[in-house]
Amino acid sequence: MSAAVTTRQKPHSLAALKILVAVLGLLILAGVGVVIAGLAGRLDGGGAAAPAAPAFGEVALPAPPGASIDAVVSDGARLFVILALPDGTRRVEAVDLATGARLGAVSLAPAPAAAPAPVPHGR
């Protein structure tokens, strides 16, 4: 008799398994759709473009005659102009990109030559 009871429960549990597989399949398809939509959004540029910084016109940076621009670097908010000066030193000028205001300068000079090491006496 126990074999008959097991046989009757088998079709019912099979139907539940089919429903479970169908639901999990739909969840997988929904997850793949979300991933594809996310990737498409990133490839599209991520939505709205970032607002452009207001133009500030022309900025005059003080530089002695004969100076040349060695490099220009930006961190997004500031512009750093590295000048090679005629005397062999370098100067870094900082400019605020939002306003065009000169923030300041740092002069880079070569380090003084090290003094010769003392010679021990008696050798």
PDB file of N, CA and C in Angstrom:
ATOM      1  N   MET A   1       0.787  -1.185   0.000  1.00  0.00           N
ATOM      2  CA  MET A   1       0.000   0.000   0.000  1.00  0.00           C
ATOM      3  C   MET A   1       0.840   1.264   0.000  1.00  0.00           C
ATOM      4  N   SER A   2       1.962   1.220   0.591  1.00  0.00           N
ATOM      5  CA  SER A   2       2.804   2.406   0.635  1.00  0.00           C
ATOM      6  C   SER A   2       3.282   2.793  -0.757  1.00  0.00           C
ATOM      7  N   ALA A   3       3.414   1.853  -1.671  1.00  0.00           N
ATOM      8  CA  ALA A   3       3.816   2.166  -3.041  1.00  0.00           C
ATOM      9  C   ALA A   3       2.733   2.963  -3.744  1.00  0.00           C
ATOM     10  N   ALA A   4       1.485   2.722  -3.458  1.00  0.00           N
ATOM     11  CA  ALA A   4       0.377   3.443  -4.074  1.00  0.00           C
ATOM     12  C   ALA A   4       0.340   4.887  -3.589  1.00  0.00           C
ATOM     13  N   VAL A   5       0.663   5.111  -2.336  1.00  0.00           N
ATOM     14  CA  VAL A   5       0.655   6.462  -1.790  1.00  0.00           C
ATOM     15  C   VAL A   5       1.770   7.286  -2.423  1.00  0.00           C
ATOM     16  N   THR A   6       2.922   6.696  -2.611  1.00  0.00           N
ATOM     17  CA  THR A   6       4.039   7.386  -3.218  1.00  0.00           C
ATOM     18  C   THR A   6       3.734   7.736  -4.665  1.00  0.00           C
ATOM     19  N   THR A   7       3.051   6.839  -5.381  1.00  0.00           N
ATOM     20  CA  THR A   7       2.716   7.071  -6.777  1.00  0.00           C
ATOM     21  C   THR A   7       1.743   8.231  -6.906  1.00  0.00           C
ATOM     22  N   ARG A   8       0.804   8.363  -5.998  1.00  0.00           N
ATOM     23  CA  ARG A   8      -0.163   9.451  -6.062  1.00  0.00           C
ATOM     24  C   ARG A   8       0.507  10.804  -5.795  1.00  0.00           C
ATOM     25  N   GLN A   9       1.522  10.890  -4.956  1.00  0.00           N
ATOM     26  CA  GLN A   9       2.187  12.156  -4.631  1.00  0.00           C
ATOM     27  C   GLN A   9       3.161  12.578  -5.730  1.00  0.00           C
ATOM     28  N   LYS A  10       3.612  11.659  -6.511  1.00  0.00           N
ATOM     29  CA  LYS A  10       4.618  11.959  -7.522  1.00  0.00           C
ATOM     30  C   LYS A  10       4.134  12.978  -8.560  1.00  0.00           C
ATOM     31  N   PRO A  11       2.945  12.854  -9.192  1.00  0.00           N
ATOM     32  CA  PRO A  11       2.512  13.858 -10.169  1.00  0.00           C
ATOM     33  C   PRO A  11       2.350  15.240  -9.541  1.00  0.00           C
ATOM     34  N   HIS A  12       1.905  15.312  -8.299  1.00  0.00           N
ATOM     35  CA  HIS A  12       1.710  16.606  -7.635  1.00  0.00           C
ATOM     36  C   HIS A  12       3.062  17.294  -7.399  1.00  0.00           C
ATOM     37  N   SER A  13       4.053  16.572  -6.940  1.00  0.00           N
ATOM     38  CA  SER A  13       5.364  17.166  -6.695  1.00  0.00           C
ATOM     39  C   SER A  13       6.057  17.519  -8.011  1.00  0.00           C
ATOM     40  N   LEU A  14       5.770  16.803  -9.088  1.00  0.00           N
ATOM     41  CA  LEU A  14       6.330  17.108 -10.392  1.00  0.00           C
ATOM     42  C   LEU A  14       5.763  18.427 -10.921  1.00  0.00           C
ATOM     43  N   ALA A  15       4.500  18.678 -10.689  1.00  0.00           N
ATOM     44  CA  ALA A  15       3.881  19.938 -11.113  1.00  0.00           C
ATOM     45  C   ALA A  15       4.492  21.107 -10.337  1.00  0.00           C
ATOM     46  N   ALA A  16       4.741  20.926  -9.073  1.00  0.00           N
ATOM     47  CA  ALA A  16       5.360  21.983  -8.265  1.00  0.00           C
ATOM     48  C   ALA A  16       6.783  22.263  -8.746  1.00  0.00           C
ATOM     49  N   LEU A  17       7.491  21.214  -9.121  1.00  0.00           N
ATOM     50  CA  LEU A  17       8.847  21.383  -9.635  1.00  0.00           C
ATOM     51  C   LEU A  17       8.839  22.143 -10.960  1.00  0.00           C
ATOM     52  N   LYS A  18       7.868  21.858 -11.821  1.00  0.00           N
ATOM     53  CA  LYS A  18       7.759  22.569 -13.099  1.00  0.00           C
ATOM     54  C   LYS A  18       7.481  24.056 -12.868  1.00  0.00           C
ATOM     55  N   ILE A  19       6.623  24.363 -11.924  1.00  0.00           N
ATOM     56  CA  ILE A  19       6.319  25.767 -11.602  1.00  0.00           C
ATOM     57  C   ILE A  19       7.563  26.457 -11.066  1.00  0.00           C
ATOM     58  N   LEU A  20       8.282  25.793 -10.201  1.00  0.00           N
ATOM     59  CA  LEU A  20       9.508  26.369  -9.630  1.00  0.00           C
ATOM     60  C   LEU A  20      10.536  26.651 -10.724  1.00  0.00           C
ATOM     61  N   VAL A  21      10.706  25.724 -11.646  1.00  0.00           N
ATOM     62  CA  VAL A  21      11.660  25.909 -12.747  1.00  0.00           C
ATOM     63  C   VAL A  21      11.230  27.083 -13.626  1.00  0.00           C
ATOM     64  N   ALA A  22       9.947  27.204 -13.900  1.00  0.00           N
ATOM     65  CA  ALA A  22       9.455  28.315 -14.728  1.00  0.00           C
ATOM     66  C   ALA A  22       9.681  29.654 -14.042  1.00  0.00           C
ATOM     67  N   VAL A  23       9.405  29.736 -12.750  1.00  0.00           N
ATOM     68  CA  VAL A  23       9.601  30.989 -12.008  1.00  0.00           C
ATOM     69  C   VAL A  23      11.077  31.356 -11.965  1.00  0.00           C
ATOM     70  N   LEU A  24      11.943  30.413 -11.701  1.00  0.00           N
ATOM     71  CA  LEU A  24      13.380  30.689 -11.659  1.00  0.00           C
ATOM     72  C   LEU A  24      13.901  31.091 -13.039  1.00  0.00           C
ATOM     73  N   GLY A  25      13.364  30.491 -14.094  1.00  0.00           N
ATOM     74  CA  GLY A  25      13.745  30.878 -15.454  1.00  0.00           C
ATOM     75  C   GLY A  25      13.367  32.322 -15.743  1.00  0.00           C
ATOM     76  N   LEU A  26      12.179  32.743 -15.318  1.00  0.00           N
ATOM     77  CA  LEU A  26      11.761  34.129 -15.493  1.00  0.00           C
ATOM     78  C   LEU A  26      12.653  35.085 -14.697  1.00  0.00           C
ATOM     79  N   LEU A  27      13.043  34.694 -13.501  1.00  0.00           N
ATOM     80  CA  LEU A  27      13.948  35.537 -12.705  1.00  0.00           C
ATOM     81  C   LEU A  27      15.305  35.679 -13.377  1.00  0.00           C
ATOM     82  N   ILE A  28      15.801  34.623 -13.979  1.00  0.00           N
ATOM     83  CA  ILE A  28      17.082  34.696 -14.692  1.00  0.00           C
ATOM     84  C   ILE A  28      16.964  35.640 -15.885  1.00  0.00           C
ATOM     85  N   LEU A  29      15.864  35.520 -16.656  1.00  0.00           N
ATOM     86  CA  LEU A  29      15.674  36.415 -17.796  1.00  0.00           C
ATOM     87  C   LEU A  29      15.568  37.873 -17.352  1.00  0.00           C
ATOM     88  N   ALA A  30      14.866  38.134 -16.244  1.00  0.00           N
ATOM     89  CA  ALA A  30      14.747  39.504 -15.735  1.00  0.00           C
ATOM     90  C   ALA A  30      16.118  40.037 -15.301  1.00  0.00           C
ATOM     91  N   GLY A  31      16.916  39.202 -14.656  1.00  0.00           N
ATOM     92  CA  GLY A  31      18.256  39.619 -14.231  1.00  0.00           C
ATOM     93  C   GLY A  31      19.159  39.931 -15.417  1.00  0.00           C
ATOM     94  N   VAL A  32      19.099  39.119 -16.451  1.00  0.00           N
ATOM     95  CA  VAL A  32      19.891  39.372 -17.659  1.00  0.00           C
ATOM     96  C   VAL A  32      19.445  40.679 -18.300  1.00  0.00           C
ATOM     97  N   GLY A  33      18.141  40.945 -18.310  1.00  0.00           N
ATOM     98  CA  GLY A  33      17.624  42.199 -18.857  1.00  0.00           C
ATOM     99  C   GLY A  33      18.136  43.407 -18.096  1.00  0.00           C
ATOM    100  N   VAL A  34      18.200  43.313 -16.776  1.00  0.00           N
ATOM    101  CA  VAL A  34      18.711  44.421 -15.955  1.00  0.00           C
ATOM    102  C   VAL A  34      20.195  44.652 -16.245  1.00  0.00           C
ATOM    103  N   VAL A  35      20.961  43.590 -16.382  1.00  0.00           N
ATOM    104  CA  VAL A  35      22.393  43.732 -16.683  1.00  0.00           C
ATOM    105  C   VAL A  35      22.589  44.373 -18.054  1.00  0.00           C
ATOM    106  N   ILE A  36      21.816  43.942 -19.045  1.00  0.00           N
ATOM    107  CA  ILE A  36      21.943  44.520 -20.386  1.00  0.00           C
ATOM    108  C   ILE A  36      21.550  45.992 -20.379  1.00  0.00           C
ATOM    109  N   ALA A  37      20.480  46.343 -19.661  1.00  0.00           N
ATOM    110  CA  ALA A  37      20.067  47.745 -19.578  1.00  0.00           C
ATOM    111  C   ALA A  37      21.141  48.588 -18.893  1.00  0.00           C
ATOM    112  N   GLY A  38      21.774  48.060 -17.861  1.00  0.00           N
ATOM    113  CA  GLY A  38      22.847  48.788 -17.180  1.00  0.00           C
ATOM    114  C   GLY A  38      24.049  49.006 -18.077  1.00  0.00           C
ATOM    115  N   LEU A  39      24.438  47.985 -18.822  1.00  0.00           N
ATOM    116  CA  LEU A  39      25.565  48.126 -19.744  1.00  0.00           C
ATOM    117  C   LEU A  39      25.242  49.109 -20.866  1.00  0.00           C
ATOM    118  N   ALA A  40      24.026  49.057 -21.377  1.00  0.00           N
ATOM    119  CA  ALA A  40      23.635  49.980 -22.443  1.00  0.00           C
ATOM    120  C   ALA A  40      23.661  51.421 -21.926  1.00  0.00           C
ATOM    121  N   GLY A  41      23.258  51.633 -20.690  1.00  0.00           N
ATOM    122  CA  GLY A  41      23.300  52.973 -20.100  1.00  0.00           C
ATOM    123  C   GLY A  41      24.717  53.482 -19.953  1.00  0.00           C
ATOM    124  N   ARG A  42      25.629  52.612 -19.579  1.00  0.00           N
ATOM    125  CA  ARG A  42      27.030  53.032 -19.434  1.00  0.00           C
ATOM    126  C   ARG A  42      27.677  53.313 -20.789  1.00  0.00           C
ATOM    127  N   LEU A  43      27.361  52.506 -21.789  1.00  0.00           N
ATOM    128  CA  LEU A  43      27.932  52.716 -23.106  1.00  0.00           C
ATOM    129  C   LEU A  43      27.367  53.967 -23.765  1.00  0.00           C
ATOM    130  N   ASP A  44      26.153  54.327 -23.374  1.00  0.00           N
ATOM    131  CA  ASP A  44      25.496  55.503 -23.941  1.00  0.00           C
ATOM    132  C   ASP A  44      26.048  56.793 -23.346  1.00  0.00           C
ATOM    133  N   GLY A  45      26.900  56.709 -22.362  1.00  0.00           N
ATOM    134  CA  GLY A  45      27.466  57.906 -21.745  1.00  0.00           C
ATOM    135  C   GLY A  45      26.898  58.151 -20.360  1.00  0.00           C
ATOM    136  N   GLY A  46      26.099  57.241 -19.858  1.00  0.00           N
ATOM    137  CA  GLY A  46      25.603  57.372 -18.503  1.00  0.00           C
ATOM    138  C   GLY A  46      24.482  58.375 -18.350  1.00  0.00           C
ATOM    139  N   GLY A  47      23.759  58.698 -19.396  1.00  0.00           N
ATOM    140  CA  GLY A  47      22.629  59.610 -19.263  1.00  0.00           C
ATOM    141  C   GLY A  47      23.019  61.029 -19.641  1.00  0.00           C
ATOM    142  N   ALA A  48      22.596  61.960 -18.818  1.00  0.00           N
ATOM    143  CA  ALA A  48      22.823  63.378 -19.127  1.00  0.00           C
ATOM    144  C   ALA A  48      24.308  63.718 -19.039  1.00  0.00           C
ATOM    145  N   ALA A  49      24.740  64.580 -19.923  1.00  0.00           N
ATOM    146  CA  ALA A  49      26.140  65.003 -19.922  1.00  0.00           C
ATOM    147  C   ALA A  49      26.388  65.942 -18.748  1.00  0.00           C
ATOM    148  N   ALA A  50      27.606  65.932 -18.247  1.00  0.00           N
ATOM    149  CA  ALA A  50      27.965  66.817 -17.143  1.00  0.00           C
ATOM    150  C   ALA A  50      27.920  68.261 -17.635  1.00  0.00           C
ATOM    151  N   PRO A  51      27.453  69.164 -16.774  1.00  0.00           N
ATOM    152  CA  PRO A  51      27.392  70.557 -17.201  1.00  0.00           C
ATOM    153  C   PRO A  51      28.789  71.110 -17.449  1.00  0.00           C
ATOM    154  N   ALA A  52      28.904  71.880 -18.496  1.00  0.00           N
ATOM    155  CA  ALA A  52      30.202  72.460 -18.846  1.00  0.00           C
ATOM    156  C   ALA A  52      30.529  73.598 -17.894  1.00  0.00           C
ATOM    157  N   ALA A  53      31.810  73.750 -17.589  1.00  0.00           N
ATOM    158  CA  ALA A  53      32.250  74.847 -16.737  1.00  0.00           C
ATOM    159  C   ALA A  53      32.079  76.156 -17.503  1.00  0.00           C
ATOM    160  N   PRO A  54      31.710  77.216 -16.799  1.00  0.00           N
ATOM    161  CA  PRO A  54      31.544  78.493 -17.497  1.00  0.00           C
ATOM    162  C   PRO A  54      32.884  78.981 -18.046  1.00  0.00           C
ATOM    163  N   ALA A  55      32.835  79.585 -19.209  1.00  0.00           N
ATOM    164  CA  ALA A  55      34.056  80.122 -19.815  1.00  0.00           C
ATOM    165  C   ALA A  55      34.477  81.370 -19.050  1.00  0.00           C
ATOM    166  N   PHE A  56      35.759  81.537 -18.841  1.00  0.00           N
ATOM    167  CA  PHE A  56      36.228  82.697 -18.087  1.00  0.00           C
ATOM    168  C   PHE A  56      37.088  83.635 -18.920  1.00  0.00           C
ATOM    169  N   GLY A  57      37.246  83.346 -20.168  1.00  0.00           N
ATOM    170  CA  GLY A  57      38.011  84.248 -21.032  1.00  0.00           C
ATOM    171  C   GLY A  57      39.494  83.968 -20.980  1.00  0.00           C
ATOM    172  N   GLU A  58      40.279  85.012 -21.085  1.00  0.00           N
ATOM    173  CA  GLU A  58      41.737  84.880 -21.139  1.00  0.00           C
ATOM    174  C   GLU A  58      42.335  85.168 -19.770  1.00  0.00           C
ATOM    175  N   VAL A  59      43.328  84.370 -19.392  1.00  0.00           N
ATOM    176  CA  VAL A  59      44.044  84.555 -18.133  1.00  0.00           C
ATOM    177  C   VAL A  59      45.515  84.759 -18.466  1.00  0.00           C
ATOM    178  N   ALA A  60      46.098  85.800 -17.912  1.00  0.00           N
ATOM    179  CA  ALA A  60      47.524  86.076 -18.135  1.00  0.00           C
ATOM    180  C   ALA A  60      48.316  85.548 -16.947  1.00  0.00           C
ATOM    181  N   LEU A  61      49.230  84.624 -17.206  1.00  0.00           N
ATOM    182  CA  LEU A  61      50.108  84.105 -16.160  1.00  0.00           C
ATOM    183  C   LEU A  61      51.447  84.826 -16.259  1.00  0.00           C
ATOM    184  N   PRO A  62      51.947  85.332 -15.142  1.00  0.00           N
ATOM    185  CA  PRO A  62      53.232  86.017 -15.192  1.00  0.00           C
ATOM    186  C   PRO A  62      54.374  85.038 -15.461  1.00  0.00           C
ATOM    187  N   ALA A  63      55.185  85.356 -16.425  1.00  0.00           N
ATOM    188  CA  ALA A  63      56.351  84.531 -16.756  1.00  0.00           C
ATOM    189  C   ALA A  63      57.447  85.451 -17.273  1.00  0.00           C
ATOM    190  N   PRO A  64      58.683  85.231 -16.844  1.00  0.00           N
ATOM    191  CA  PRO A  64      59.772  86.074 -17.332  1.00  0.00           C
ATOM    192  C   PRO A  64      60.055  85.809 -18.808  1.00  0.00           C
ATOM    193  N   PRO A  65      60.679  86.760 -19.495  1.00  0.00           N
ATOM    194  CA  PRO A  65      61.038  86.552 -20.898  1.00  0.00           C
ATOM    195  C   PRO A  65      61.948  85.329 -21.031  1.00  0.00           C
ATOM    196  N   GLY A  66      61.702  84.535 -22.054  1.00  0.00           N
ATOM    197  CA  GLY A  66      62.513  83.343 -22.290  1.00  0.00           C
ATOM    198  C   GLY A  66      61.967  82.095 -21.632  1.00  0.00           C
ATOM    199  N   ALA A  67      60.917  82.218 -20.817  1.00  0.00           N
ATOM    200  CA  ALA A  67      60.320  81.045 -20.170  1.00  0.00           C
ATOM    201  C   ALA A  67      59.496  80.279 -21.198  1.00  0.00           C
ATOM    202  N   SER A  68      59.434  78.973 -21.011  1.00  0.00           N
ATOM    203  CA  SER A  68      58.623  78.150 -21.912  1.00  0.00           C
ATOM    204  C   SER A  68      57.776  77.191 -21.087  1.00  0.00           C
ATOM    205  N   ILE A  69      56.682  76.743 -21.677  1.00  0.00           N
ATOM    206  CA  ILE A  69      55.809  75.792 -20.983  1.00  0.00           C
ATOM    207  C   ILE A  69      56.426  74.405 -21.109  1.00  0.00           C
ATOM    208  N   ASP A  70      56.701  73.800 -19.964  1.00  0.00           N
ATOM    209  CA  ASP A  70      57.295  72.465 -19.917  1.00  0.00           C
ATOM    210  C   ASP A  70      56.210  71.397 -19.914  1.00  0.00           C
ATOM    211  N   ALA A  71      55.094  71.651 -19.200  1.00  0.00           N
ATOM    212  CA  ALA A  71      53.992  70.684 -19.121  1.00  0.00           C
ATOM    213  C   ALA A  71      52.745  71.400 -18.618  1.00  0.00           C
ATOM    214  N   VAL A  72      51.595  70.811 -18.910  1.00  0.00           N
ATOM    215  CA  VAL A  72      50.310  71.297 -18.408  1.00  0.00           C
ATOM    216  C   VAL A  72      49.559  70.087 -17.873  1.00  0.00           C
ATOM    217  N   VAL A  73      49.061  70.196 -16.623  1.00  0.00           N
ATOM    218  CA  VAL A  73      48.369  69.094 -15.968  1.00  0.00           C
ATOM    219  C   VAL A  73      47.101  69.650 -15.334  1.00  0.00           C
ATOM    220  N   SER A  74      46.025  68.857 -15.345  1.00  0.00           N
ATOM    221  CA  SER A  74      44.771  69.272 -14.722  1.00  0.00           C
ATOM    222  C   SER A  74      44.281  68.178 -13.796  1.00  0.00           C
ATOM    223  N   ASP A  75      43.680  68.574 -12.675  1.00  0.00           N
ATOM    224  CA  ASP A  75      43.052  67.601 -11.781  1.00  0.00           C
ATOM    225  C   ASP A  75      41.532  67.698 -11.854  1.00  0.00           C
ATOM    226  N   GLY A  76      41.013  68.416 -12.828  1.00  0.00           N
ATOM    227  CA  GLY A  76      39.578  68.567 -12.997  1.00  0.00           C
ATOM    228  C   GLY A  76      39.075  69.905 -12.478  1.00  0.00           C
ATOM    229  N   ALA A  77      39.646  70.397 -11.403  1.00  0.00           N
ATOM    230  CA  ALA A  77      39.231  71.674 -10.832  1.00  0.00           C
ATOM    231  C   ALA A  77      40.292  72.755 -11.022  1.00  0.00           C
ATOM    232  N   ARG A  78      41.536  72.322 -11.181  1.00  0.00           N
ATOM    233  CA  ARG A  78      42.645  73.275 -11.327  1.00  0.00           C
ATOM    234  C   ARG A  78      43.511  72.884 -12.510  1.00  0.00           C
ATOM    235  N   LEU A  79      44.164  73.906 -13.058  1.00  0.00           N
ATOM    236  CA  LEU A  79      45.119  73.697 -14.142  1.00  0.00           C
ATOM    237  C   LEU A  79      46.497  74.067 -13.605  1.00  0.00           C
ATOM    238  N   PHE A  80      47.474  73.182 -13.805  1.00  0.00           N
ATOM    239  CA  PHE A  80      48.837  73.433 -13.363  1.00  0.00           C
ATOM    240  C   PHE A  80      49.719  73.578 -14.598  1.00  0.00           C
ATOM    241  N   VAL A  81      50.360  74.733 -14.720  1.00  0.00           N
ATOM    242  CA  VAL A  81      51.246  75.010 -15.844  1.00  0.00           C
ATOM    243  C   VAL A  81      52.672  75.004 -15.303  1.00  0.00           C
ATOM    244  N   ILE A  82      53.497  74.104 -15.813  1.00  0.00           N
ATOM    245  CA  ILE A  82      54.893  74.021 -15.369  1.00  0.00           C
ATOM    246  C   ILE A  82      55.738  74.795 -16.375  1.00  0.00           C
ATOM    247  N   LEU A  83      56.389  75.831 -15.888  1.00  0.00           N
ATOM    248  CA  LEU A  83      57.216  76.686 -16.736  1.00  0.00           C
ATOM    249  C   LEU A  83      58.681  76.337 -16.560  1.00  0.00           C
ATOM    250  N   ALA A  84      59.421  76.257 -17.648  1.00  0.00           N
ATOM    251  CA  ALA A  84      60.880  76.118 -17.618  1.00  0.00           C
ATOM    252  C   ALA A  84      61.433  77.530 -17.768  1.00  0.00           C
ATOM    253  N   LEU A  85      62.125  78.003 -16.738  1.00  0.00           N
ATOM    254  CA  LEU A  85      62.650  79.369 -16.725  1.00  0.00           C
ATOM    255  C   LEU A  85      64.040  79.414 -17.346  1.00  0.00           C
ATOM    256  N   PRO A  86      64.446  80.573 -17.857  1.00  0.00           N
ATOM    257  CA  PRO A  86      65.749  80.678 -18.527  1.00  0.00           C
ATOM    258  C   PRO A  86      66.939  80.340 -17.630  1.00  0.00           C
ATOM    259  N   ASP A  87      66.814  80.517 -16.304  1.00  0.00           N
ATOM    260  CA  ASP A  87      67.941  80.222 -15.407  1.00  0.00           C
ATOM    261  C   ASP A  87      68.045  78.738 -15.059  1.00  0.00           C
ATOM    262  N   GLY A  88      67.198  77.887 -15.666  1.00  0.00           N
ATOM    263  CA  GLY A  88      67.273  76.438 -15.426  1.00  0.00           C
ATOM    264  C   GLY A  88      66.316  75.948 -14.352  1.00  0.00           C
ATOM    265  N   THR A  89      65.640  76.838 -13.652  1.00  0.00           N
ATOM    266  CA  THR A  89      64.688  76.420 -12.625  1.00  0.00           C
ATOM    267  C   THR A  89      63.312  76.228 -13.261  1.00  0.00           C
ATOM    268  N   ARG A  90      62.403  75.730 -12.488  1.00  0.00           N
ATOM    269  CA  ARG A  90      61.035  75.512 -12.948  1.00  0.00           C
ATOM    270  C   ARG A  90      60.081  76.211 -11.978  1.00  0.00           C
ATOM    271  N   ARG A  91      58.894  76.589 -12.501  1.00  0.00           N
ATOM    272  CA  ARG A  91      57.864  77.193 -11.658  1.00  0.00           C
ATOM    273  C   ARG A  91      56.528  76.581 -12.057  1.00  0.00           C
ATOM    274  N   VAL A  92      55.715  76.266 -11.046  1.00  0.00           N
ATOM    275  CA  VAL A  92      54.385  75.702 -11.268  1.00  0.00           C
ATOM    276  C   VAL A  92      53.365  76.793 -10.957  1.00  0.00           C
ATOM    277  N   GLU A  93      52.553  77.131 -11.956  1.00  0.00           N
ATOM    278  CA  GLU A  93      51.482  78.115 -11.797  1.00  0.00           C
ATOM    279  C   GLU A  93      50.161  77.344 -11.697  1.00  0.00           C
ATOM    280  N   ALA A  94      49.320  77.699 -10.720  1.00  0.00           N
ATOM    281  CA  ALA A  94      48.029  77.035 -10.535  1.00  0.00           C
ATOM    282  C   ALA A  94      46.901  78.005 -10.874  1.00  0.00           C
ATOM    283  N   VAL A  95      45.928  77.513 -11.665  1.00  0.00           N
ATOM    284  CA  VAL A  95      44.790  78.326 -12.093  1.00  0.00           C
ATOM    285  C   VAL A  95      43.513  77.553 -11.783  1.00  0.00           C
ATOM    286  N   ASP A  96      42.507  78.250 -11.215  1.00  0.00           N
ATOM    287  CA  ASP A  96      41.197  77.660 -10.952  1.00  0.00           C
ATOM    288  C   ASP A  96      40.445  77.576 -12.282  1.00  0.00           C
ATOM    289  N   LEU A  97      40.017  76.372 -12.674  1.00  0.00           N
ATOM    290  CA  LEU A  97      39.355  76.204 -13.964  1.00  0.00           C
ATOM    291  C   LEU A  97      37.944  76.785 -13.990  1.00  0.00           C
ATOM    292  N   ALA A  98      37.296  76.912 -12.848  1.00  0.00           N
ATOM    293  CA  ALA A  98      35.934  77.437 -12.824  1.00  0.00           C
ATOM    294  C   ALA A  98      35.913  78.954 -12.997  1.00  0.00           C
ATOM    295  N   THR A  99      36.892  79.639 -12.412  1.00  0.00           N
ATOM    296  CA  THR A  99      36.874  81.106 -12.440  1.00  0.00           C
ATOM    297  C   THR A  99      37.992  81.704 -13.274  1.00  0.00           C
ATOM    298  N   GLY A 100      39.053  80.957 -13.505  1.00  0.00           N
ATOM    299  CA  GLY A 100      40.208  81.484 -14.228  1.00  0.00           C
ATOM    300  C   GLY A 100      41.166  82.246 -13.331  1.00  0.00           C
ATOM    301  N   ALA A 101      40.869  82.262 -12.036  1.00  0.00           N
ATOM    302  CA  ALA A 101      41.722  82.999 -11.098  1.00  0.00           C
ATOM    303  C   ALA A 101      43.042  82.265 -10.888  1.00  0.00           C
ATOM    304  N   ARG A 102      44.120  83.033 -10.817  1.00  0.00           N
ATOM    305  CA  ARG A 102      45.437  82.453 -10.516  1.00  0.00           C
ATOM    306  C   ARG A 102      45.453  82.146  -9.030  1.00  0.00           C
ATOM    307  N   LEU A 103      45.716  80.898  -8.696  1.00  0.00           N
ATOM    308  CA  LEU A 103      45.715  80.471  -7.302  1.00  0.00           C
ATOM    309  C   LEU A 103      47.058  80.678  -6.632  1.00  0.00           C
ATOM    310  N   GLY A 104      48.120  80.631  -7.395  1.00  0.00           N
ATOM    311  CA  GLY A 104      49.448  80.809  -6.819  1.00  0.00           C
ATOM    312  C   GLY A 104      50.498  80.123  -7.655  1.00  0.00           C
ATOM    313  N   ALA A 105      51.729  80.177  -7.154  1.00  0.00           N
ATOM    314  CA  ALA A 105      52.857  79.585  -7.873  1.00  0.00           C
ATOM    315  C   ALA A 105      53.812  78.947  -6.883  1.00  0.00           C
ATOM    316  N   VAL A 106      54.518  77.950  -7.356  1.00  0.00           N
ATOM    317  CA  VAL A 106      55.561  77.282  -6.573  1.00  0.00           C
ATOM    318  C   VAL A 106      56.816  77.293  -7.429  1.00  0.00           C
ATOM    319  N   SER A 107      57.897  77.849  -6.893  1.00  0.00           N
ATOM    320  CA  SER A 107      59.176  77.871  -7.612  1.00  0.00           C
ATOM    321  C   SER A 107      59.985  76.656  -7.211  1.00  0.00           C
ATOM    322  N   LEU A 108      60.508  75.972  -8.200  1.00  0.00           N
ATOM    323  CA  LEU A 108      61.327  74.790  -7.961  1.00  0.00           C
ATOM    324  C   LEU A 108      62.764  75.135  -8.303  1.00  0.00           C
ATOM    325  N   ALA A 109      63.625  75.024  -7.316  1.00  0.00           N
ATOM    326  CA  ALA A 109      65.041  75.337  -7.514  1.00  0.00           C
ATOM    327  C   ALA A 109      65.857  74.084  -7.265  1.00  0.00           C
ATOM    328  N   PRO A 110      67.006  73.954  -7.918  1.00  0.00           N
ATOM    329  CA  PRO A 110      67.845  72.778  -7.654  1.00  0.00           C
ATOM    330  C   PRO A 110      68.344  72.791  -6.217  1.00  0.00           C
ATOM    331  N   ALA A 111      68.487  71.633  -5.637  1.00  0.00           N
ATOM    332  CA  ALA A 111      68.996  71.512  -4.269  1.00  0.00           C
ATOM    333  C   ALA A 111      70.467  71.914  -4.245  1.00  0.00           C
ATOM    334  N   PRO A 112      70.912  72.549  -3.151  1.00  0.00           N
ATOM    335  CA  PRO A 112      72.332  72.904  -3.070  1.00  0.00           C
ATOM    336  C   PRO A 112      73.198  71.650  -3.051  1.00  0.00           C
ATOM    337  N   ALA A 113      74.397  71.779  -3.579  1.00  0.00           N
ATOM    338  CA  ALA A 113      75.327  70.644  -3.620  1.00  0.00           C
ATOM    339  C   ALA A 113      75.677  70.229  -2.198  1.00  0.00           C
ATOM    340  N   ALA A 114      75.745  68.943  -1.994  1.00  0.00           N
ATOM    341  CA  ALA A 114      76.084  68.421  -0.668  1.00  0.00           C
ATOM    342  C   ALA A 114      77.568  68.661  -0.376  1.00  0.00           C
ATOM    343  N   ALA A 115      77.851  68.955   0.876  1.00  0.00           N
ATOM    344  CA  ALA A 115      79.252  69.147   1.291  1.00  0.00           C
ATOM    345  C   ALA A 115      79.975  67.813   1.236  1.00  0.00           C
ATOM    346  N   PRO A 116      81.272  67.833   0.906  1.00  0.00           N
ATOM    347  CA  PRO A 116      82.010  66.558   0.861  1.00  0.00           C
ATOM    348  C   PRO A 116      82.079  65.939   2.246  1.00  0.00           C
ATOM    349  N   ALA A 117      82.058  64.634   2.282  1.00  0.00           N
ATOM    350  CA  ALA A 117      82.118  63.911   3.547  1.00  0.00           C
ATOM    351  C   ALA A 117      83.471  64.129   4.206  1.00  0.00           C
ATOM    352  N   PRO A 118      83.507  64.299   5.525  1.00  0.00           N
ATOM    353  CA  PRO A 118      84.784  64.476   6.220  1.00  0.00           C
ATOM    354  C   PRO A 118      85.636  63.215   6.132  1.00  0.00           C
ATOM    355  N   VAL A 119      86.936  63.418   6.017  1.00  0.00           N
ATOM    356  CA  VAL A 119      87.886  62.301   5.943  1.00  0.00           C
ATOM    357  C   VAL A 119      88.370  62.008   7.355  1.00  0.00           C
ATOM    358  N   PRO A 120      88.284  60.753   7.794  1.00  0.00           N
ATOM    359  CA  PRO A 120      88.752  60.419   9.147  1.00  0.00           C
ATOM    360  C   PRO A 120      90.266  60.601   9.259  1.00  0.00           C
ATOM    361  N   HIS A 121      90.698  61.165  10.381  1.00  0.00           N
ATOM    362  CA  HIS A 121      92.132  61.393  10.609  1.00  0.00           C
ATOM    363  C   HIS A 121      92.828  60.099  11.012  1.00  0.00           C
ATOM    364  N   GLY A 122      94.071  59.980  10.651  1.00  0.00           N
ATOM    365  CA  GLY A 122      94.879  58.836  11.056  1.00  0.00           C
ATOM    366  C   GLY A 122      94.822  57.695  10.054  1.00  0.00           C
ATOM    367  N   ARG A 123      94.220  57.835   8.977  1.00  0.00           N
ATOM    368  CA  ARG A 123      94.201  56.735   7.996  1.00  0.00           C
ATOM    369  C   ARG A 123      94.760  57.153   6.709  1.00  0.00           C
TER     370      ARG A 123
END
